[in-house]
N, C-alpha and C. Protein backbone atom coordinates (compact mmCIF):
# COMPACT_ATOMS: atom_id res chain seq x y z
N MET A 1 -74.24 -13.79 40.52
CA MET A 1 -74.49 -12.63 39.69
C MET A 1 -75.49 -11.72 40.42
N HIS A 2 -75.23 -10.43 40.41
CA HIS A 2 -76.13 -9.50 41.09
C HIS A 2 -77.24 -9.05 40.15
N HIS A 3 -78.27 -8.50 40.74
CA HIS A 3 -79.43 -8.04 39.99
C HIS A 3 -79.05 -6.82 39.14
N PRO A 4 -79.54 -6.73 37.90
CA PRO A 4 -79.14 -5.63 37.03
C PRO A 4 -79.65 -4.25 37.49
N ILE A 5 -80.58 -4.21 38.42
CA ILE A 5 -81.11 -2.92 38.88
C ILE A 5 -80.21 -2.26 39.93
N LEU A 6 -79.25 -3.01 40.47
CA LEU A 6 -78.41 -2.49 41.55
C LEU A 6 -77.60 -1.24 41.16
N PRO A 7 -76.93 -1.21 40.01
CA PRO A 7 -76.21 0.02 39.66
C PRO A 7 -77.14 1.24 39.54
N LEU A 8 -78.32 1.04 38.97
CA LEU A 8 -79.28 2.13 38.86
C LEU A 8 -79.75 2.58 40.24
N SER A 9 -79.97 1.64 41.13
CA SER A 9 -80.43 2.01 42.48
C SER A 9 -79.35 2.80 43.22
N ARG A 10 -78.09 2.46 43.01
CA ARG A 10 -77.00 3.21 43.65
C ARG A 10 -76.94 4.64 43.10
N ILE A 11 -77.11 4.79 41.79
CA ILE A 11 -77.09 6.12 41.18
C ILE A 11 -78.26 6.95 41.70
N LEU A 12 -79.45 6.36 41.73
CA LEU A 12 -80.63 7.08 42.23
C LEU A 12 -80.44 7.50 43.68
N THR A 13 -79.94 6.59 44.50
CA THR A 13 -79.75 6.88 45.92
C THR A 13 -78.78 8.04 46.12
N LEU A 14 -77.61 7.94 45.52
CA LEU A 14 -76.59 8.96 45.75
C LEU A 14 -76.95 10.30 45.10
N ALA A 15 -77.56 10.26 43.92
CA ALA A 15 -77.95 11.51 43.26
C ALA A 15 -79.07 12.21 44.03
N GLY A 16 -80.08 11.46 44.42
CA GLY A 16 -81.17 12.04 45.19
C GLY A 16 -80.70 12.62 46.51
N TYR A 17 -79.81 11.89 47.18
CA TYR A 17 -79.26 12.35 48.46
C TYR A 17 -78.47 13.65 48.26
N ALA A 18 -77.61 13.68 47.27
CA ALA A 18 -76.77 14.86 47.03
C ALA A 18 -77.61 16.08 46.67
N ILE A 19 -78.59 15.90 45.81
CA ILE A 19 -79.44 17.02 45.40
C ILE A 19 -80.23 17.54 46.60
N LEU A 20 -80.76 16.64 47.42
CA LEU A 20 -81.50 17.05 48.61
C LEU A 20 -80.61 17.82 49.57
N PHE A 21 -79.43 17.29 49.83
CA PHE A 21 -78.49 17.93 50.76
C PHE A 21 -78.12 19.33 50.29
N ILE A 22 -77.76 19.45 49.02
CA ILE A 22 -77.35 20.75 48.46
C ILE A 22 -78.51 21.74 48.45
N THR A 23 -79.69 21.28 48.07
CA THR A 23 -80.86 22.16 48.02
C THR A 23 -81.19 22.71 49.40
N LEU A 24 -81.22 21.84 50.40
CA LEU A 24 -81.54 22.31 51.75
C LEU A 24 -80.45 23.23 52.29
N LEU A 25 -79.21 22.87 52.09
CA LEU A 25 -78.11 23.69 52.61
C LEU A 25 -78.10 25.08 51.97
N LEU A 26 -78.22 25.13 50.64
CA LEU A 26 -78.24 26.43 49.96
C LEU A 26 -79.49 27.23 50.32
N GLY A 27 -80.63 26.56 50.44
CA GLY A 27 -81.86 27.25 50.82
C GLY A 27 -81.76 27.89 52.19
N ILE A 28 -81.10 27.20 53.11
CA ILE A 28 -80.93 27.75 54.47
C ILE A 28 -79.92 28.90 54.46
N VAL A 29 -78.77 28.68 53.83
CA VAL A 29 -77.71 29.69 53.84
C VAL A 29 -78.13 30.96 53.08
N LEU A 30 -78.83 30.80 51.97
CA LEU A 30 -79.26 31.96 51.18
C LEU A 30 -80.57 32.56 51.67
N LYS A 31 -81.07 32.07 52.79
CA LYS A 31 -82.30 32.59 53.42
C LYS A 31 -83.53 32.46 52.52
N LYS A 32 -83.60 31.39 51.74
CA LYS A 32 -84.77 31.13 50.91
C LYS A 32 -85.79 30.25 51.62
N ILE A 33 -85.36 29.63 52.71
CA ILE A 33 -86.23 28.73 53.48
C ILE A 33 -86.37 29.29 54.88
N HIS A 34 -87.57 29.57 55.29
CA HIS A 34 -87.87 30.03 56.65
C HIS A 34 -86.84 31.05 57.14
N SER A 35 -86.77 32.19 56.46
CA SER A 35 -85.77 33.20 56.81
C SER A 35 -85.98 33.79 58.20
N GLU A 36 -87.17 33.62 58.77
CA GLU A 36 -87.43 34.16 60.10
C GLU A 36 -86.83 33.30 61.22
N LEU A 37 -86.44 32.07 60.90
CA LEU A 37 -85.85 31.17 61.90
C LEU A 37 -84.32 31.25 61.84
N PRO A 38 -83.65 30.99 62.97
CA PRO A 38 -82.17 31.00 62.96
C PRO A 38 -81.61 29.88 62.07
N GLU A 39 -80.52 30.20 61.37
CA GLU A 39 -79.89 29.22 60.47
C GLU A 39 -79.43 27.98 61.23
N GLY A 40 -78.87 28.18 62.41
CA GLY A 40 -78.37 27.05 63.20
C GLY A 40 -79.47 26.06 63.55
N PHE A 41 -80.64 26.57 63.88
CA PHE A 41 -81.77 25.70 64.20
C PHE A 41 -82.18 24.88 62.98
N LEU A 42 -82.27 25.52 61.82
CA LEU A 42 -82.66 24.80 60.60
C LEU A 42 -81.61 23.76 60.21
N ILE A 43 -80.35 24.10 60.38
CA ILE A 43 -79.29 23.14 60.06
C ILE A 43 -79.38 21.94 60.99
N ILE A 44 -79.66 22.18 62.26
CA ILE A 44 -79.75 21.07 63.22
C ILE A 44 -80.93 20.15 62.90
N ILE A 45 -82.08 20.72 62.55
CA ILE A 45 -83.24 19.85 62.33
C ILE A 45 -83.34 19.30 60.92
N TRP A 46 -82.66 19.92 59.93
CA TRP A 46 -82.79 19.44 58.55
C TRP A 46 -81.52 18.86 57.97
N ILE A 47 -80.37 19.38 58.31
CA ILE A 47 -79.12 18.92 57.70
C ILE A 47 -78.47 17.81 58.52
N VAL A 48 -78.42 17.96 59.83
CA VAL A 48 -77.76 16.95 60.68
C VAL A 48 -78.37 15.56 60.51
N PRO A 49 -79.71 15.40 60.48
CA PRO A 49 -80.25 14.05 60.26
C PRO A 49 -79.83 13.43 58.92
N LEU A 50 -79.55 14.28 57.92
CA LEU A 50 -79.08 13.76 56.64
C LEU A 50 -77.69 13.15 56.73
N LEU A 51 -76.92 13.56 57.72
CA LEU A 51 -75.56 13.04 57.87
C LEU A 51 -75.52 11.64 58.48
N PHE A 52 -76.57 11.24 59.19
CA PHE A 52 -76.57 9.93 59.86
C PHE A 52 -76.37 8.76 58.88
N PRO A 53 -77.08 8.69 57.75
CA PRO A 53 -76.89 7.53 56.87
C PRO A 53 -75.77 7.68 55.85
N LEU A 54 -75.04 8.78 55.86
CA LEU A 54 -74.07 9.06 54.79
C LEU A 54 -73.02 7.97 54.65
N ARG A 55 -72.40 7.55 55.74
CA ARG A 55 -71.34 6.54 55.65
C ARG A 55 -71.86 5.22 55.08
N GLY A 56 -73.00 4.77 55.57
CA GLY A 56 -73.57 3.51 55.09
C GLY A 56 -74.02 3.58 53.64
N LEU A 57 -74.52 4.75 53.21
CA LEU A 57 -74.91 4.90 51.81
C LEU A 57 -73.69 4.85 50.90
N LEU A 58 -72.62 5.51 51.31
CA LEU A 58 -71.40 5.51 50.49
C LEU A 58 -70.75 4.13 50.44
N GLN A 59 -70.88 3.35 51.51
CA GLN A 59 -70.30 2.01 51.56
C GLN A 59 -71.26 0.93 51.06
N ALA A 60 -72.42 1.33 50.56
CA ALA A 60 -73.43 0.41 50.01
C ALA A 60 -73.87 -0.63 51.03
N LYS A 61 -74.19 -0.18 52.23
CA LYS A 61 -74.68 -1.08 53.27
C LYS A 61 -76.19 -1.27 53.09
N ARG A 62 -76.59 -2.50 53.01
CA ARG A 62 -78.00 -2.81 52.77
C ARG A 62 -78.88 -2.32 53.91
N TYR A 63 -78.44 -2.52 55.13
CA TYR A 63 -79.23 -2.14 56.30
C TYR A 63 -79.43 -0.62 56.35
N THR A 64 -78.42 0.14 55.99
CA THR A 64 -78.54 1.60 55.98
C THR A 64 -79.56 2.05 54.95
N HIS A 65 -79.58 1.39 53.80
CA HIS A 65 -80.57 1.73 52.79
C HIS A 65 -81.98 1.43 53.29
N ALA A 66 -82.12 0.37 54.07
CA ALA A 66 -83.44 0.01 54.59
C ALA A 66 -83.95 1.05 55.59
N TRP A 67 -83.14 1.39 56.60
CA TRP A 67 -83.64 2.36 57.58
C TRP A 67 -83.59 3.78 57.06
N GLY A 68 -82.74 4.04 56.09
CA GLY A 68 -82.68 5.38 55.50
C GLY A 68 -83.95 5.74 54.75
N SER A 69 -84.65 4.72 54.25
CA SER A 69 -85.91 5.00 53.57
C SER A 69 -86.95 5.56 54.53
N PHE A 70 -86.87 5.20 55.80
CA PHE A 70 -87.76 5.79 56.80
C PHE A 70 -87.39 7.25 57.05
N LEU A 71 -86.11 7.54 57.02
CA LEU A 71 -85.66 8.92 57.21
C LEU A 71 -86.15 9.81 56.06
N ALA A 72 -86.24 9.24 54.87
CA ALA A 72 -86.70 10.01 53.72
C ALA A 72 -88.13 10.51 53.91
N CYS A 73 -88.92 9.79 54.68
CA CYS A 73 -90.31 10.23 54.94
C CYS A 73 -90.33 11.59 55.63
N TRP A 74 -89.36 11.85 56.51
CA TRP A 74 -89.26 13.15 57.18
C TRP A 74 -89.06 14.27 56.15
N TYR A 75 -88.27 14.00 55.12
CA TYR A 75 -87.99 15.04 54.13
C TYR A 75 -89.16 15.22 53.15
N LEU A 76 -90.02 14.24 53.04
CA LEU A 76 -91.27 14.46 52.30
C LEU A 76 -92.14 15.45 53.06
N VAL A 77 -92.18 15.32 54.37
CA VAL A 77 -92.93 16.27 55.20
C VAL A 77 -92.32 17.67 55.08
N VAL A 78 -91.00 17.76 55.08
CA VAL A 78 -90.32 19.05 54.93
C VAL A 78 -90.69 19.67 53.58
N GLY A 79 -90.69 18.88 52.52
CA GLY A 79 -91.03 19.39 51.20
C GLY A 79 -92.45 19.91 51.12
N VAL A 80 -93.38 19.20 51.73
CA VAL A 80 -94.77 19.66 51.74
C VAL A 80 -94.88 20.93 52.58
N ASP A 81 -94.14 21.01 53.68
CA ASP A 81 -94.16 22.20 54.54
C ASP A 81 -93.66 23.44 53.79
N LEU A 82 -92.71 23.27 52.92
CA LEU A 82 -92.13 24.40 52.20
C LEU A 82 -92.97 24.85 51.01
N TRP A 83 -93.99 24.09 50.65
CA TRP A 83 -94.72 24.34 49.41
C TRP A 83 -95.28 25.76 49.32
N GLN A 84 -95.92 26.24 50.37
CA GLN A 84 -96.55 27.55 50.31
C GLN A 84 -95.53 28.68 50.28
N ALA A 85 -94.45 28.54 51.02
CA ALA A 85 -93.45 29.61 51.10
C ALA A 85 -92.58 29.70 49.84
N ASN A 86 -92.18 28.56 49.30
CA ASN A 86 -91.28 28.57 48.15
C ASN A 86 -91.52 27.31 47.31
N PRO A 87 -92.43 27.38 46.34
CA PRO A 87 -92.78 26.18 45.56
C PRO A 87 -91.61 25.59 44.77
N ALA A 88 -90.68 26.41 44.31
CA ALA A 88 -89.56 25.89 43.52
C ALA A 88 -88.65 25.02 44.38
N ILE A 89 -88.27 25.52 45.54
CA ILE A 89 -87.42 24.72 46.43
C ILE A 89 -88.18 23.50 46.92
N SER A 90 -89.46 23.68 47.20
CA SER A 90 -90.28 22.56 47.66
C SER A 90 -90.34 21.45 46.61
N ALA A 91 -90.53 21.83 45.36
CA ALA A 91 -90.59 20.83 44.29
C ALA A 91 -89.26 20.09 44.17
N THR A 92 -88.16 20.83 44.30
CA THR A 92 -86.84 20.19 44.24
C THR A 92 -86.64 19.23 45.40
N VAL A 93 -87.05 19.64 46.60
CA VAL A 93 -86.93 18.77 47.78
C VAL A 93 -87.80 17.53 47.61
N LEU A 94 -89.02 17.70 47.14
CA LEU A 94 -89.91 16.55 46.97
C LEU A 94 -89.39 15.59 45.89
N MET A 95 -88.91 16.13 44.77
CA MET A 95 -88.40 15.26 43.71
C MET A 95 -87.13 14.54 44.14
N SER A 96 -86.20 15.25 44.76
CA SER A 96 -84.96 14.60 45.18
C SER A 96 -85.21 13.58 46.28
N THR A 97 -86.14 13.86 47.18
CA THR A 97 -86.48 12.89 48.22
C THR A 97 -87.11 11.65 47.62
N THR A 98 -87.97 11.83 46.63
CA THR A 98 -88.60 10.69 45.97
C THR A 98 -87.55 9.84 45.25
N ILE A 99 -86.60 10.49 44.59
CA ILE A 99 -85.52 9.76 43.90
C ILE A 99 -84.67 9.01 44.92
N TRP A 100 -84.31 9.68 46.01
CA TRP A 100 -83.50 9.07 47.07
C TRP A 100 -84.23 7.88 47.68
N PHE A 101 -85.50 8.05 47.99
CA PHE A 101 -86.31 6.98 48.57
C PHE A 101 -86.40 5.78 47.63
N THR A 102 -86.68 6.04 46.36
CA THR A 102 -86.81 4.96 45.38
C THR A 102 -85.50 4.19 45.25
N GLY A 103 -84.40 4.89 45.17
CA GLY A 103 -83.10 4.23 45.07
C GLY A 103 -82.80 3.36 46.28
N MET A 104 -83.10 3.86 47.48
CA MET A 104 -82.83 3.08 48.69
C MET A 104 -83.70 1.84 48.78
N VAL A 105 -84.97 1.97 48.43
CA VAL A 105 -85.87 0.82 48.48
C VAL A 105 -85.45 -0.23 47.46
N LEU A 106 -85.10 0.19 46.25
CA LEU A 106 -84.65 -0.77 45.24
C LEU A 106 -83.37 -1.47 45.68
N PHE A 107 -82.43 -0.72 46.24
CA PHE A 107 -81.18 -1.33 46.69
C PHE A 107 -81.44 -2.31 47.83
N ALA A 108 -82.24 -1.91 48.80
CA ALA A 108 -82.52 -2.79 49.94
C ALA A 108 -83.25 -4.05 49.50
N ARG A 109 -84.07 -3.94 48.49
CA ARG A 109 -84.85 -5.09 48.02
C ARG A 109 -84.02 -6.05 47.18
N PHE A 110 -83.20 -5.55 46.29
CA PHE A 110 -82.54 -6.40 45.31
C PHE A 110 -81.07 -6.70 45.60
N SER A 111 -80.50 -6.09 46.61
CA SER A 111 -79.09 -6.38 46.91
C SER A 111 -78.98 -7.67 47.69
N PRO A 112 -77.87 -8.39 47.49
CA PRO A 112 -77.64 -9.57 48.34
C PRO A 112 -77.34 -9.11 49.76
N PHE A 113 -77.30 -10.05 50.69
CA PHE A 113 -77.09 -9.68 52.09
C PHE A 113 -75.77 -8.94 52.29
N ASP A 114 -74.76 -9.30 51.55
CA ASP A 114 -73.50 -8.58 51.58
C ASP A 114 -73.20 -8.13 50.16
N TRP A 115 -73.01 -6.86 49.96
CA TRP A 115 -72.83 -6.30 48.62
C TRP A 115 -71.60 -6.87 47.93
N LYS A 116 -70.56 -7.19 48.68
CA LYS A 116 -69.31 -7.68 48.08
C LYS A 116 -69.33 -9.19 47.83
N VAL A 117 -70.00 -9.93 48.69
CA VAL A 117 -70.03 -11.39 48.59
C VAL A 117 -71.45 -11.83 48.26
N ILE A 118 -71.58 -12.55 47.18
CA ILE A 118 -72.90 -13.03 46.76
C ILE A 118 -73.10 -14.43 47.32
N PRO A 119 -74.18 -14.64 48.08
CA PRO A 119 -74.38 -15.96 48.68
C PRO A 119 -74.58 -17.04 47.63
N ARG A 120 -74.02 -18.19 47.88
CA ARG A 120 -74.15 -19.33 46.97
C ARG A 120 -75.15 -20.32 47.56
N PRO A 121 -75.96 -20.93 46.72
CA PRO A 121 -76.89 -21.94 47.24
C PRO A 121 -76.12 -23.15 47.75
N ARG A 122 -76.58 -23.69 48.85
CA ARG A 122 -75.91 -24.86 49.44
C ARG A 122 -76.33 -26.12 48.70
N GLY A 123 -75.34 -26.94 48.41
CA GLY A 123 -75.62 -28.21 47.74
C GLY A 123 -75.97 -29.29 48.75
N LYS A 124 -76.64 -30.34 48.28
CA LYS A 124 -77.03 -31.44 49.18
C LYS A 124 -75.94 -32.44 49.33
């Protein structure tokens, strides 16, 4: 039997990730974030790193959730950086990153080694 927190952790992870991705993408395209910088540069440094864990997050890979939590720290820095220029977008980035981080840590902590197969204790 799996831990009851796993479905909640999956929802938190995917919702936080999606909100962060959409917020950053729309902020860049609509010129609400660092409008003085080229869009391509911002997409490369902020959006492309978000694509690295996408496959593992969608497939519920435990290892991806573990290292993805380190990637979330970068987006906390991005959220703090945006605070002075645009507090509304910054608050959204910080909240979605916190939700994403919390979901990944909970999943990495409470998931079995393989999400599909639950290990059985060995008998003597």
